[in-house]
Amino acid sequence: LPDNENGDDIHELEHRISRLEGVLRLNKMITESGGKIFATNGKSADFEATVEKCKEAGGFIATPRNPGENDAILYFVRYFNTYAYLGIKQSLILGRFQYLNGAQLRYTNWYSNEPSSKGEE
């Protein structure tokens, strides 16, 4: 395509994406932090189903790596008044957690005296 037509197509796509993001924001289904988009369908599911749905959507289960991303996830927790699964798991060392790929956590924001290994974390 000539540069002019290609630019018009890109502009049209950017406009359509912006409109879709606006609708999702109005419906409290997406939020953003640091250039990352955090999204939910607002439905309850188990951990494995959540991981799979994220993968099907071309993304990953939310894993906060800084306070802004943590706040983006907390937005959904508060709005839907429920918990959120995170992309972390307990390591082989009791009381230690890691990313799903096995890498060591670089950001945490635990409540006082957590993780306690008592019940669900």
N, C-alpha and C. Protein backbone atom coordinates (compact mmCIF):
# COMPACT_ATOMS: atom_id res chain seq x y z
N LEU A 1 0.83 -1.18 0.00
CA LEU A 1 0.00 0.00 0.00
C LEU A 1 0.88 1.25 0.00
N PRO A 2 0.43 2.28 -0.69
CA PRO A 2 1.17 3.54 -0.57
C PRO A 2 1.17 4.01 0.87
N ASP A 3 2.18 4.78 1.24
CA ASP A 3 2.32 5.25 2.62
C ASP A 3 1.06 5.91 3.15
N ASN A 4 0.39 6.69 2.32
CA ASN A 4 -0.82 7.41 2.74
C ASN A 4 -1.92 6.45 3.17
N GLU A 5 -2.18 5.41 2.34
CA GLU A 5 -3.24 4.45 2.67
C GLU A 5 -2.88 3.64 3.90
N ASN A 6 -1.61 3.24 4.03
CA ASN A 6 -1.16 2.48 5.17
C ASN A 6 -1.34 3.30 6.45
N GLY A 7 -1.00 4.57 6.40
CA GLY A 7 -1.19 5.46 7.55
C GLY A 7 -2.64 5.60 7.93
N ASP A 8 -3.52 5.67 6.93
CA ASP A 8 -4.96 5.76 7.19
C ASP A 8 -5.47 4.49 7.88
N ASP A 9 -4.99 3.33 7.42
CA ASP A 9 -5.40 2.06 8.03
C ASP A 9 -4.95 1.98 9.48
N ILE A 10 -3.72 2.40 9.75
CA ILE A 10 -3.20 2.37 11.11
C ILE A 10 -4.01 3.32 12.00
N HIS A 11 -4.30 4.51 11.48
CA HIS A 11 -5.09 5.48 12.24
C HIS A 11 -6.47 4.91 12.56
N GLU A 12 -7.09 4.26 11.59
CA GLU A 12 -8.42 3.66 11.80
C GLU A 12 -8.36 2.56 12.86
N LEU A 13 -7.35 1.72 12.80
CA LEU A 13 -7.19 0.66 13.81
C LEU A 13 -6.95 1.24 15.19
N GLU A 14 -6.11 2.24 15.30
CA GLU A 14 -5.87 2.89 16.59
C GLU A 14 -7.15 3.49 17.15
N HIS A 15 -7.96 4.10 16.27
CA HIS A 15 -9.24 4.69 16.69
C HIS A 15 -10.19 3.61 17.21
N ARG A 16 -10.28 2.49 16.49
CA ARG A 16 -11.18 1.41 16.91
C ARG A 16 -10.72 0.79 18.23
N ILE A 17 -9.42 0.58 18.39
CA ILE A 17 -8.90 0.04 19.64
C ILE A 17 -9.20 0.98 20.79
N SER A 18 -9.00 2.27 20.57
CA SER A 18 -9.28 3.26 21.60
C SER A 18 -10.75 3.23 22.02
N ARG A 19 -11.66 3.09 21.06
CA ARG A 19 -13.08 3.02 21.38
C ARG A 19 -13.40 1.76 22.19
N LEU A 20 -12.83 0.63 21.79
CA LEU A 20 -13.06 -0.62 22.53
C LEU A 20 -12.51 -0.54 23.94
N GLU A 21 -11.32 0.03 24.10
CA GLU A 21 -10.75 0.20 25.44
C GLU A 21 -11.64 1.10 26.28
N GLY A 22 -12.21 2.13 25.67
CA GLY A 22 -13.11 3.03 26.40
C GLY A 22 -14.33 2.31 26.92
N VAL A 23 -14.92 1.46 26.09
CA VAL A 23 -16.09 0.69 26.51
C VAL A 23 -15.73 -0.25 27.65
N LEU A 24 -14.60 -0.92 27.53
CA LEU A 24 -14.16 -1.84 28.58
C LEU A 24 -13.88 -1.10 29.88
N ARG A 25 -13.30 0.09 29.79
CA ARG A 25 -13.05 0.89 31.00
C ARG A 25 -14.36 1.30 31.65
N LEU A 26 -15.34 1.70 30.84
CA LEU A 26 -16.64 2.06 31.38
C LEU A 26 -17.30 0.89 32.10
N ASN A 27 -17.08 -0.30 31.60
CA ASN A 27 -17.65 -1.50 32.20
C ASN A 27 -16.75 -2.10 33.28
N LYS A 28 -15.71 -1.37 33.66
CA LYS A 28 -14.79 -1.79 34.73
C LYS A 28 -14.11 -3.12 34.43
N MET A 29 -13.78 -3.36 33.16
CA MET A 29 -13.18 -4.63 32.76
C MET A 29 -11.69 -4.53 32.46
N ILE A 30 -11.16 -3.31 32.31
CA ILE A 30 -9.72 -3.16 32.11
C ILE A 30 -9.21 -1.95 32.89
N THR A 31 -7.94 -2.00 33.21
CA THR A 31 -7.23 -0.87 33.79
C THR A 31 -5.79 -0.99 33.30
N GLU A 32 -5.01 0.05 33.48
CA GLU A 32 -3.67 0.07 32.93
C GLU A 32 -2.67 0.55 33.99
N SER A 33 -1.46 0.04 33.87
CA SER A 33 -0.37 0.50 34.72
C SER A 33 0.94 0.30 33.98
N GLY A 34 1.70 1.37 33.85
CA GLY A 34 3.02 1.28 33.24
C GLY A 34 3.03 0.70 31.85
N GLY A 35 2.01 0.98 31.06
CA GLY A 35 1.95 0.46 29.70
C GLY A 35 1.38 -0.93 29.59
N LYS A 36 1.10 -1.58 30.71
CA LYS A 36 0.48 -2.91 30.69
C LYS A 36 -1.01 -2.76 30.91
N ILE A 37 -1.77 -3.58 30.22
CA ILE A 37 -3.22 -3.58 30.40
C ILE A 37 -3.59 -4.79 31.25
N PHE A 38 -4.36 -4.55 32.30
CA PHE A 38 -4.87 -5.60 33.16
C PHE A 38 -6.36 -5.71 32.87
N ALA A 39 -6.84 -6.93 32.63
CA ALA A 39 -8.23 -7.13 32.23
C ALA A 39 -8.85 -8.28 33.00
N THR A 40 -10.18 -8.26 33.07
CA THR A 40 -10.93 -9.35 33.69
C THR A 40 -12.25 -9.51 32.95
N ASN A 41 -12.81 -10.70 33.04
CA ASN A 41 -14.18 -10.89 32.54
C ASN A 41 -15.16 -10.83 33.70
N GLY A 42 -14.64 -10.68 34.92
CA GLY A 42 -15.49 -10.54 36.09
C GLY A 42 -16.09 -11.84 36.59
N LYS A 43 -15.71 -12.95 35.98
CA LYS A 43 -16.27 -14.25 36.37
C LYS A 43 -15.33 -14.98 37.33
N SER A 44 -15.91 -15.83 38.15
CA SER A 44 -15.13 -16.66 39.06
C SER A 44 -14.66 -17.91 38.34
N ALA A 45 -13.46 -18.35 38.64
CA ALA A 45 -12.92 -19.57 38.05
C ALA A 45 -11.82 -20.08 38.97
N ASP A 46 -11.40 -21.31 38.76
CA ASP A 46 -10.28 -21.82 39.55
C ASP A 46 -8.97 -21.34 38.91
N PHE A 47 -7.87 -21.58 39.60
CA PHE A 47 -6.57 -21.07 39.17
C PHE A 47 -6.20 -21.56 37.77
N GLU A 48 -6.31 -22.85 37.53
CA GLU A 48 -5.90 -23.40 36.24
C GLU A 48 -6.74 -22.83 35.11
N ALA A 49 -8.05 -22.68 35.32
CA ALA A 49 -8.93 -22.11 34.29
C ALA A 49 -8.57 -20.65 34.04
N THR A 50 -8.19 -19.94 35.09
CA THR A 50 -7.80 -18.54 34.95
C THR A 50 -6.52 -18.42 34.12
N VAL A 51 -5.54 -19.26 34.41
CA VAL A 51 -4.29 -19.26 33.65
C VAL A 51 -4.59 -19.55 32.18
N GLU A 52 -5.45 -20.52 31.92
CA GLU A 52 -5.78 -20.91 30.54
C GLU A 52 -6.51 -19.79 29.80
N LYS A 53 -7.48 -19.14 30.45
CA LYS A 53 -8.22 -18.04 29.82
C LYS A 53 -7.27 -16.90 29.46
N CYS A 54 -6.33 -16.60 30.35
CA CYS A 54 -5.35 -15.55 30.06
C CYS A 54 -4.52 -15.92 28.84
N LYS A 55 -4.11 -17.18 28.78
CA LYS A 55 -3.31 -17.65 27.65
C LYS A 55 -4.11 -17.56 26.36
N GLU A 56 -5.38 -17.97 26.38
CA GLU A 56 -6.25 -17.90 25.20
C GLU A 56 -6.41 -16.46 24.71
N ALA A 57 -6.38 -15.52 25.63
CA ALA A 57 -6.54 -14.10 25.28
C ALA A 57 -5.22 -13.49 24.81
N GLY A 58 -4.15 -14.28 24.83
CA GLY A 58 -2.85 -13.78 24.39
C GLY A 58 -2.07 -13.08 25.48
N GLY A 59 -2.45 -13.33 26.73
CA GLY A 59 -1.77 -12.68 27.85
C GLY A 59 -1.32 -13.67 28.89
N PHE A 60 -1.11 -13.16 30.09
CA PHE A 60 -0.65 -13.96 31.22
C PHE A 60 -1.46 -13.59 32.44
N ILE A 61 -1.54 -14.50 33.39
CA ILE A 61 -2.20 -14.18 34.65
C ILE A 61 -1.43 -13.04 35.32
N ALA A 62 -2.16 -12.16 35.96
CA ALA A 62 -1.56 -10.96 36.54
C ALA A 62 -0.50 -11.31 37.58
N THR A 63 0.63 -10.65 37.46
CA THR A 63 1.74 -10.84 38.38
C THR A 63 2.30 -9.46 38.70
N PRO A 64 1.96 -8.91 39.86
CA PRO A 64 2.44 -7.55 40.17
C PRO A 64 3.95 -7.52 40.34
N ARG A 65 4.58 -6.59 39.63
CA ARG A 65 6.04 -6.46 39.69
C ARG A 65 6.46 -5.10 40.25
N ASN A 66 5.45 -4.30 40.64
CA ASN A 66 5.73 -3.00 41.26
C ASN A 66 4.44 -2.49 41.90
N PRO A 67 4.50 -1.44 42.71
CA PRO A 67 3.30 -0.94 43.39
C PRO A 67 2.17 -0.54 42.44
N GLY A 68 2.49 0.05 41.29
CA GLY A 68 1.45 0.44 40.33
C GLY A 68 0.68 -0.74 39.80
N GLU A 69 1.39 -1.81 39.45
CA GLU A 69 0.73 -3.02 38.96
C GLU A 69 -0.07 -3.67 40.07
N ASN A 70 0.44 -3.65 41.28
CA ASN A 70 -0.30 -4.18 42.42
C ASN A 70 -1.62 -3.41 42.59
N ASP A 71 -1.57 -2.08 42.45
CA ASP A 71 -2.78 -1.26 42.56
C ASP A 71 -3.77 -1.56 41.44
N ALA A 72 -3.26 -1.85 40.23
CA ALA A 72 -4.14 -2.18 39.11
C ALA A 72 -4.93 -3.46 39.41
N ILE A 73 -4.27 -4.44 40.00
CA ILE A 73 -4.93 -5.69 40.36
C ILE A 73 -5.90 -5.46 41.52
N LEU A 74 -5.47 -4.66 42.48
CA LEU A 74 -6.30 -4.34 43.64
C LEU A 74 -7.59 -3.62 43.22
N TYR A 75 -7.52 -2.86 42.14
CA TYR A 75 -8.70 -2.18 41.59
C TYR A 75 -9.81 -3.20 41.33
N PHE A 76 -9.48 -4.33 40.69
CA PHE A 76 -10.48 -5.36 40.41
C PHE A 76 -10.95 -6.05 41.67
N VAL A 77 -10.03 -6.32 42.58
CA VAL A 77 -10.39 -6.97 43.84
C VAL A 77 -11.44 -6.14 44.57
N ARG A 78 -11.21 -4.85 44.62
CA ARG A 78 -12.16 -3.96 45.31
C ARG A 78 -13.46 -3.81 44.53
N TYR A 79 -13.37 -3.64 43.23
CA TYR A 79 -14.57 -3.42 42.42
C TYR A 79 -15.50 -4.63 42.46
N PHE A 80 -14.93 -5.83 42.31
CA PHE A 80 -15.73 -7.05 42.29
C PHE A 80 -15.88 -7.67 43.68
N ASN A 81 -15.24 -7.07 44.70
CA ASN A 81 -15.33 -7.54 46.07
C ASN A 81 -15.01 -9.04 46.16
N THR A 82 -13.87 -9.40 45.63
CA THR A 82 -13.45 -10.79 45.61
C THR A 82 -11.92 -10.84 45.64
N TYR A 83 -11.37 -12.02 45.59
CA TYR A 83 -9.93 -12.20 45.54
C TYR A 83 -9.48 -12.27 44.08
N ALA A 84 -8.19 -12.24 43.87
CA ALA A 84 -7.63 -12.40 42.52
C ALA A 84 -6.50 -13.41 42.60
N TYR A 85 -6.44 -14.28 41.62
CA TYR A 85 -5.29 -15.16 41.51
C TYR A 85 -4.12 -14.35 40.95
N LEU A 86 -2.92 -14.69 41.40
CA LEU A 86 -1.71 -14.04 40.92
C LEU A 86 -0.80 -15.07 40.28
N GLY A 87 0.10 -14.61 39.45
CA GLY A 87 1.03 -15.51 38.77
C GLY A 87 2.22 -15.86 39.62
N ILE A 88 1.96 -16.27 40.85
CA ILE A 88 3.02 -16.73 41.74
C ILE A 88 2.57 -18.03 42.39
N LYS A 89 3.54 -18.77 42.87
CA LYS A 89 3.25 -20.03 43.56
C LYS A 89 4.25 -20.22 44.68
N GLN A 90 3.90 -21.11 45.60
CA GLN A 90 4.81 -21.42 46.70
C GLN A 90 5.97 -22.23 46.15
N SER A 91 7.17 -21.91 46.60
CA SER A 91 8.34 -22.65 46.15
C SER A 91 8.49 -23.91 47.01
N LEU A 92 9.53 -24.66 46.75
CA LEU A 92 9.78 -25.86 47.54
C LEU A 92 10.18 -25.53 48.97
N ILE A 93 10.61 -24.29 49.19
CA ILE A 93 10.96 -23.83 50.53
C ILE A 93 9.71 -23.24 51.17
N LEU A 94 9.26 -23.83 52.26
CA LEU A 94 8.04 -23.40 52.93
C LEU A 94 8.07 -21.91 53.26
N GLY A 95 6.99 -21.23 52.93
CA GLY A 95 6.89 -19.80 53.21
C GLY A 95 7.52 -18.91 52.15
N ARG A 96 8.13 -19.50 51.13
CA ARG A 96 8.74 -18.74 50.04
C ARG A 96 7.88 -18.89 48.80
N PHE A 97 7.82 -17.84 48.01
CA PHE A 97 7.03 -17.86 46.79
C PHE A 97 7.89 -17.48 45.61
N GLN A 98 7.43 -17.86 44.42
CA GLN A 98 8.17 -17.59 43.19
C GLN A 98 7.20 -17.36 42.05
N TYR A 99 7.71 -16.81 40.93
CA TYR A 99 6.89 -16.66 39.74
C TYR A 99 6.57 -18.04 39.19
N LEU A 100 5.54 -18.15 38.38
CA LEU A 100 5.15 -19.45 37.83
C LEU A 100 6.26 -20.09 37.02
N ASN A 101 7.16 -19.29 36.45
CA ASN A 101 8.27 -19.86 35.68
C ASN A 101 9.43 -20.31 36.56
N GLY A 102 9.27 -20.17 37.89
CA GLY A 102 10.30 -20.61 38.83
C GLY A 102 11.25 -19.51 39.28
N ALA A 103 11.20 -18.34 38.65
CA ALA A 103 12.10 -17.25 39.03
C ALA A 103 11.71 -16.69 40.40
N GLN A 104 12.69 -16.16 41.10
CA GLN A 104 12.49 -15.59 42.43
C GLN A 104 11.69 -14.29 42.32
N LEU A 105 10.78 -14.07 43.29
CA LEU A 105 10.00 -12.83 43.31
C LEU A 105 10.93 -11.64 43.54
N ARG A 106 10.66 -10.57 42.82
CA ARG A 106 11.45 -9.35 42.99
C ARG A 106 10.62 -8.25 43.64
N TYR A 107 9.32 -8.44 43.69
CA TYR A 107 8.43 -7.46 44.32
C TYR A 107 7.43 -8.21 45.18
N THR A 108 7.26 -7.79 46.40
CA THR A 108 6.23 -8.35 47.27
C THR A 108 5.57 -7.21 48.04
N ASN A 109 4.37 -7.46 48.47
CA ASN A 109 3.63 -6.47 49.25
C ASN A 109 2.71 -7.23 50.20
N TRP A 110 3.29 -8.09 51.01
CA TRP A 110 2.52 -8.92 51.92
C TRP A 110 1.94 -8.09 53.06
N TYR A 111 0.81 -8.53 53.58
CA TYR A 111 0.30 -7.97 54.83
C TYR A 111 1.28 -8.35 55.94
N SER A 112 1.20 -7.66 57.05
CA SER A 112 2.03 -7.97 58.20
C SER A 112 1.84 -9.43 58.60
N ASN A 113 2.93 -10.10 58.92
CA ASN A 113 2.94 -11.52 59.33
C ASN A 113 2.54 -12.49 58.22
N GLU A 114 2.61 -12.08 57.01
CA GLU A 114 2.32 -12.95 55.87
C GLU A 114 3.56 -13.05 55.00
N PRO A 115 3.73 -14.10 54.26
CA PRO A 115 2.89 -15.31 54.27
C PRO A 115 3.12 -16.11 55.54
N SER A 116 2.07 -16.70 56.03
CA SER A 116 2.14 -17.41 57.29
C SER A 116 2.07 -18.92 57.16
N SER A 117 1.76 -19.39 55.95
CA SER A 117 1.58 -20.82 55.69
C SER A 117 0.45 -21.41 56.51
N LYS A 118 -0.50 -20.57 56.93
CA LYS A 118 -1.65 -21.02 57.66
C LYS A 118 -2.87 -20.79 56.79
N GLY A 119 -3.38 -21.85 56.20
CA GLY A 119 -4.54 -21.71 55.33
C GLY A 119 -4.13 -21.14 53.99
N GLU A 120 -5.08 -20.50 53.31
CA GLU A 120 -4.80 -19.93 52.01
C GLU A 120 -4.05 -18.63 52.16
N GLU A 121 -3.05 -18.42 51.33
CA GLU A 121 -2.26 -17.18 51.38
C GLU A 121 -2.96 -16.12 50.56
